[in-house]
Amino acid sequence: MQRTYEVMFIVRPDIGDEELEKLVSTLESQVSSAGGKVKNVERMGKRRLAYLVRRFHDGNYMLLTVEGGGDAIRELERRLRVTEPVIKFLTVRVDKEQARLAKLKQRRKTPPPVEAGGETAAVTA
């Protein structure tokens, strides 16, 4: 079953753009070889970390949107864990939330039912 995940990872701030490109392309190829698909790669740029992580105050934030099964995500997380430039990562399953938001959006599109008789009676206490 294909599920959608968002994988946020932070890369060391001293890594070059070429190395970052190579890292992302390696991760994409690993996901595709494990039966998944990278739908989107978002570079969020260099930001200040909330606390010191592996002696770094800053990091390059990356967000991958991945569609795949558990095997693809396990392989991706394993790669992130052993890749030296990656200082932190987090994987979140988002397909249930996307389905819930789509359902809410659909409900908002349909107008509420109108009662027969038109006006509603005022309640007095």
C-alpha atoms as a PDB file:
ATOM      1  CA  MET A   1       0.000   0.000   0.000  1.00  0.00           C
ATOM      2  CA  GLN A   2       1.351   3.412  -0.985  1.00  0.00           C
ATOM      3  CA  ARG A   3       1.383   5.979   1.792  1.00  0.00           C
ATOM      4  CA  THR A   4       2.594   9.557   1.809  1.00  0.00           C
ATOM      5  CA  TYR A   5       5.323  10.703   4.187  1.00  0.00           C
ATOM      6  CA  GLU A   6       7.157  13.946   4.802  1.00  0.00           C
ATOM      7  CA  VAL A   7      10.805  13.516   5.717  1.00  0.00           C
ATOM      8  CA  MET A   8      12.434  16.618   7.206  1.00  0.00           C
ATOM      9  CA  PHE A   9      16.175  16.439   7.644  1.00  0.00           C
ATOM     10  CA  ILE A  10      18.863  18.904   8.658  1.00  0.00           C
ATOM     11  CA  VAL A  11      22.252  18.886   6.974  1.00  0.00           C
ATOM     12  CA  ARG A  12      25.440  20.430   8.352  1.00  0.00           C
ATOM     13  CA  PRO A  13      25.741  24.134   7.473  1.00  0.00           C
ATOM     14  CA  ASP A  14      29.265  23.795   6.062  1.00  0.00           C
ATOM     15  CA  ILE A  15      28.268  21.374   3.284  1.00  0.00           C
ATOM     16  CA  GLY A  16      28.491  22.723  -0.271  1.00  0.00           C
ATOM     17  CA  ASP A  17      25.634  22.954  -2.767  1.00  0.00           C
ATOM     18  CA  GLU A  18      27.144  20.256  -4.997  1.00  0.00           C
ATOM     19  CA  GLU A  19      27.458  17.844  -2.075  1.00  0.00           C
ATOM     20  CA  LEU A  20      23.886  18.615  -1.032  1.00  0.00           C
ATOM     21  CA  GLU A  21      22.639  17.899  -4.579  1.00  0.00           C
ATOM     22  CA  LYS A  22      24.540  14.612  -4.589  1.00  0.00           C
ATOM     23  CA  LEU A  23      23.064  13.646  -1.193  1.00  0.00           C
ATOM     24  CA  VAL A  24      19.505  14.381  -2.325  1.00  0.00           C
ATOM     25  CA  SER A  25      19.931  12.476  -5.605  1.00  0.00           C
ATOM     26  CA  THR A  26      21.363   9.504  -3.686  1.00  0.00           C
ATOM     27  CA  LEU A  27      18.390   9.511  -1.320  1.00  0.00           C
ATOM     28  CA  GLU A  28      15.969   9.753  -4.260  1.00  0.00           C
ATOM     29  CA  SER A  29      17.578   6.781  -5.993  1.00  0.00           C
ATOM     30  CA  GLN A  30      17.466   4.726  -2.774  1.00  0.00           C
ATOM     31  CA  VAL A  31      13.763   5.452  -2.343  1.00  0.00           C
ATOM     32  CA  SER A  32      13.001   4.507  -5.952  1.00  0.00           C
ATOM     33  CA  SER A  33      15.035   1.303  -5.727  1.00  0.00           C
ATOM     34  CA  ALA A  34      13.064   0.342  -2.590  1.00  0.00           C
ATOM     35  CA  GLY A  35       9.767   0.764  -4.460  1.00  0.00           C
ATOM     36  CA  GLY A  36       8.910   4.325  -3.436  1.00  0.00           C
ATOM     37  CA  LYS A  37       8.707   7.651  -5.229  1.00  0.00           C
ATOM     38  CA  VAL A  38       9.934  11.105  -4.227  1.00  0.00           C
ATOM     39  CA  LYS A  39       7.111  13.475  -5.101  1.00  0.00           C
ATOM     40  CA  ASN A  40       8.709  16.747  -4.008  1.00  0.00           C
ATOM     41  CA  VAL A  41      12.034  18.096  -2.749  1.00  0.00           C
ATOM     42  CA  GLU A  42      11.872  21.419  -0.929  1.00  0.00           C
ATOM     43  CA  ARG A  43      14.963  23.315   0.126  1.00  0.00           C
ATOM     44  CA  MET A  44      14.045  25.400   3.124  1.00  0.00           C
ATOM     45  CA  GLY A  45      17.458  27.019   3.394  1.00  0.00           C
ATOM     46  CA  LYS A  46      19.887  27.657   6.194  1.00  0.00           C
ATOM     47  CA  ARG A  47      18.236  28.328   9.553  1.00  0.00           C
ATOM     48  CA  ARG A  48      19.206  28.660  13.167  1.00  0.00           C
ATOM     49  CA  LEU A  49      18.630  25.538  15.271  1.00  0.00           C
ATOM     50  CA  ALA A  50      16.624  25.767  18.480  1.00  0.00           C
ATOM     51  CA  TYR A  51      19.429  24.058  20.397  1.00  0.00           C
ATOM     52  CA  LEU A  52      22.944  22.819  19.803  1.00  0.00           C
ATOM     53  CA  VAL A  53      22.994  19.621  17.695  1.00  0.00           C
ATOM     54  CA  ARG A  54      26.352  17.870  17.209  1.00  0.00           C
ATOM     55  CA  ARG A  55      28.153  21.160  17.936  1.00  0.00           C
ATOM     56  CA  PHE A  56      26.182  23.046  15.231  1.00  0.00           C
ATOM     57  CA  HIS A  57      24.063  26.159  15.789  1.00  0.00           C
ATOM     58  CA  ASP A  58      22.781  26.330  12.163  1.00  0.00           C
ATOM     59  CA  GLY A  59      21.655  23.802   9.586  1.00  0.00           C
ATOM     60  CA  ASN A  60      20.344  23.434   6.041  1.00  0.00           C
ATOM     61  CA  TYR A  61      16.737  22.247   6.224  1.00  0.00           C
ATOM     62  CA  MET A  62      15.391  19.886   3.561  1.00  0.00           C
ATOM     63  CA  LEU A  63      11.885  18.463   3.143  1.00  0.00           C
ATOM     64  CA  LEU A  64      11.187  15.378   1.041  1.00  0.00           C
ATOM     65  CA  THR A  65       7.653  14.270   0.232  1.00  0.00           C
ATOM     66  CA  VAL A  66       7.845  10.526  -0.322  1.00  0.00           C
ATOM     67  CA  GLU A  67       5.200   8.097  -1.508  1.00  0.00           C
ATOM     68  CA  GLY A  68       5.837   4.468  -0.745  1.00  0.00           C
ATOM     69  CA  GLY A  69       5.547   1.578   1.637  1.00  0.00           C
ATOM     70  CA  GLY A  70       7.290   0.782   4.877  1.00  0.00           C
ATOM     71  CA  ASP A  71      10.322  -0.774   3.187  1.00  0.00           C
ATOM     72  CA  ALA A  72      11.130   2.424   1.287  1.00  0.00           C
ATOM     73  CA  ILE A  73      10.823   4.543   4.434  1.00  0.00           C
ATOM     74  CA  ARG A  74      12.910   2.145   6.523  1.00  0.00           C
ATOM     75  CA  GLU A  75      15.662   2.224   3.903  1.00  0.00           C
ATOM     76  CA  LEU A  76      15.520   6.027   3.677  1.00  0.00           C
ATOM     77  CA  GLU A  77      15.711   6.403   7.468  1.00  0.00           C
ATOM     78  CA  ARG A  78      18.616   3.941   7.621  1.00  0.00           C
ATOM     79  CA  ARG A  79      20.474   5.976   5.003  1.00  0.00           C
ATOM     80  CA  LEU A  80      19.801   9.222   6.854  1.00  0.00           C
ATOM     81  CA  ARG A  81      21.019   7.674  10.120  1.00  0.00           C
ATOM     82  CA  VAL A  82      24.396   6.603   8.670  1.00  0.00           C
ATOM     83  CA  THR A  83      25.001   9.626   6.426  1.00  0.00           C
ATOM     84  CA  GLU A  84      27.550  11.826   8.179  1.00  0.00           C
ATOM     85  CA  PRO A  85      26.371  15.292   6.948  1.00  0.00           C
ATOM     86  CA  VAL A  86      22.805  14.673   8.200  1.00  0.00           C
ATOM     87  CA  ILE A  87      22.607  15.877  11.798  1.00  0.00           C
ATOM     88  CA  LYS A  88      18.902  15.261  12.478  1.00  0.00           C
ATOM     89  CA  PHE A  89      15.801  13.897  10.701  1.00  0.00           C
ATOM     90  CA  LEU A  90      12.116  13.281  11.298  1.00  0.00           C
ATOM     91  CA  THR A  91       9.591  11.241   9.286  1.00  0.00           C
ATOM     92  CA  VAL A  92       5.855  11.941   9.510  1.00  0.00           C
ATOM     93  CA  ARG A  93       3.024  10.084   7.780  1.00  0.00           C
ATOM     94  CA  VAL A  94       0.714  12.686   6.222  1.00  0.00           C
ATOM     95  CA  ASP A  95      -1.738  10.732   4.038  1.00  0.00           C
ATOM     96  CA  LYS A  96      -4.365  10.399   6.790  1.00  0.00           C
ATOM     97  CA  GLU A  97      -4.180  14.124   7.512  1.00  0.00           C
ATOM     98  CA  GLN A  98      -4.485  14.948   3.798  1.00  0.00           C
ATOM     99  CA  ALA A  99      -7.575  12.721   3.531  1.00  0.00           C
ATOM    100  CA  ARG A 100      -9.113  14.384   6.597  1.00  0.00           C
ATOM    101  CA  LEU A 101      -8.482  17.868   5.186  1.00  0.00           C
ATOM    102  CA  ALA A 102      -9.964  16.883   1.813  1.00  0.00           C
ATOM    103  CA  LYS A 103     -13.087  15.618   3.587  1.00  0.00           C
ATOM    104  CA  LEU A 104     -13.434  18.896   5.508  1.00  0.00           C
ATOM    105  CA  LYS A 105     -12.956  20.876   2.310  1.00  0.00           C
ATOM    106  CA  GLN A 106     -15.695  18.854   0.610  1.00  0.00           C
ATOM    107  CA  ARG A 107     -18.073  19.476   3.513  1.00  0.00           C
ATOM    108  CA  ARG A 108     -17.472  23.218   3.335  1.00  0.00           C
ATOM    109  CA  LYS A 109     -18.290  23.269  -0.383  1.00  0.00           C
ATOM    110  CA  THR A 110     -21.765  21.801   0.078  1.00  0.00           C
ATOM    111  CA  PRO A 111     -24.294  24.322   1.457  1.00  0.00           C
ATOM    112  CA  PRO A 112     -26.054  23.485   4.734  1.00  0.00           C
ATOM    113  CA  PRO A 113     -29.576  22.074   4.400  1.00  0.00           C
ATOM    114  CA  VAL A 114     -32.393  24.639   4.665  1.00  0.00           C
ATOM    115  CA  GLU A 115     -35.292  23.752   6.944  1.00  0.00           C
ATOM    116  CA  ALA A 116     -38.826  23.758   5.550  1.00  0.00           C
ATOM    117  CA  GLY A 117     -40.747  26.857   6.611  1.00  0.00           C
ATOM    118  CA  GLY A 118     -37.895  29.283   6.140  1.00  0.00           C
ATOM    119  CA  GLU A 119     -37.397  31.192   9.401  1.00  0.00           C
ATOM    120  CA  THR A 120     -36.334  29.707  12.682  1.00  0.00           C
ATOM    121  CA  ALA A 121     -38.317  30.401  15.831  1.00  0.00           C
ATOM    122  CA  ALA A 122     -36.715  32.621  18.467  1.00  0.00           C
ATOM    123  CA  VAL A 123     -36.114  30.969  21.829  1.00  0.00           C
ATOM    124  CA  THR A 124     -37.096  33.016  24.880  1.00  0.00           C
ATOM    125  CA  ALA A 125     -36.170  32.224  28.426  1.00  0.00           C
END
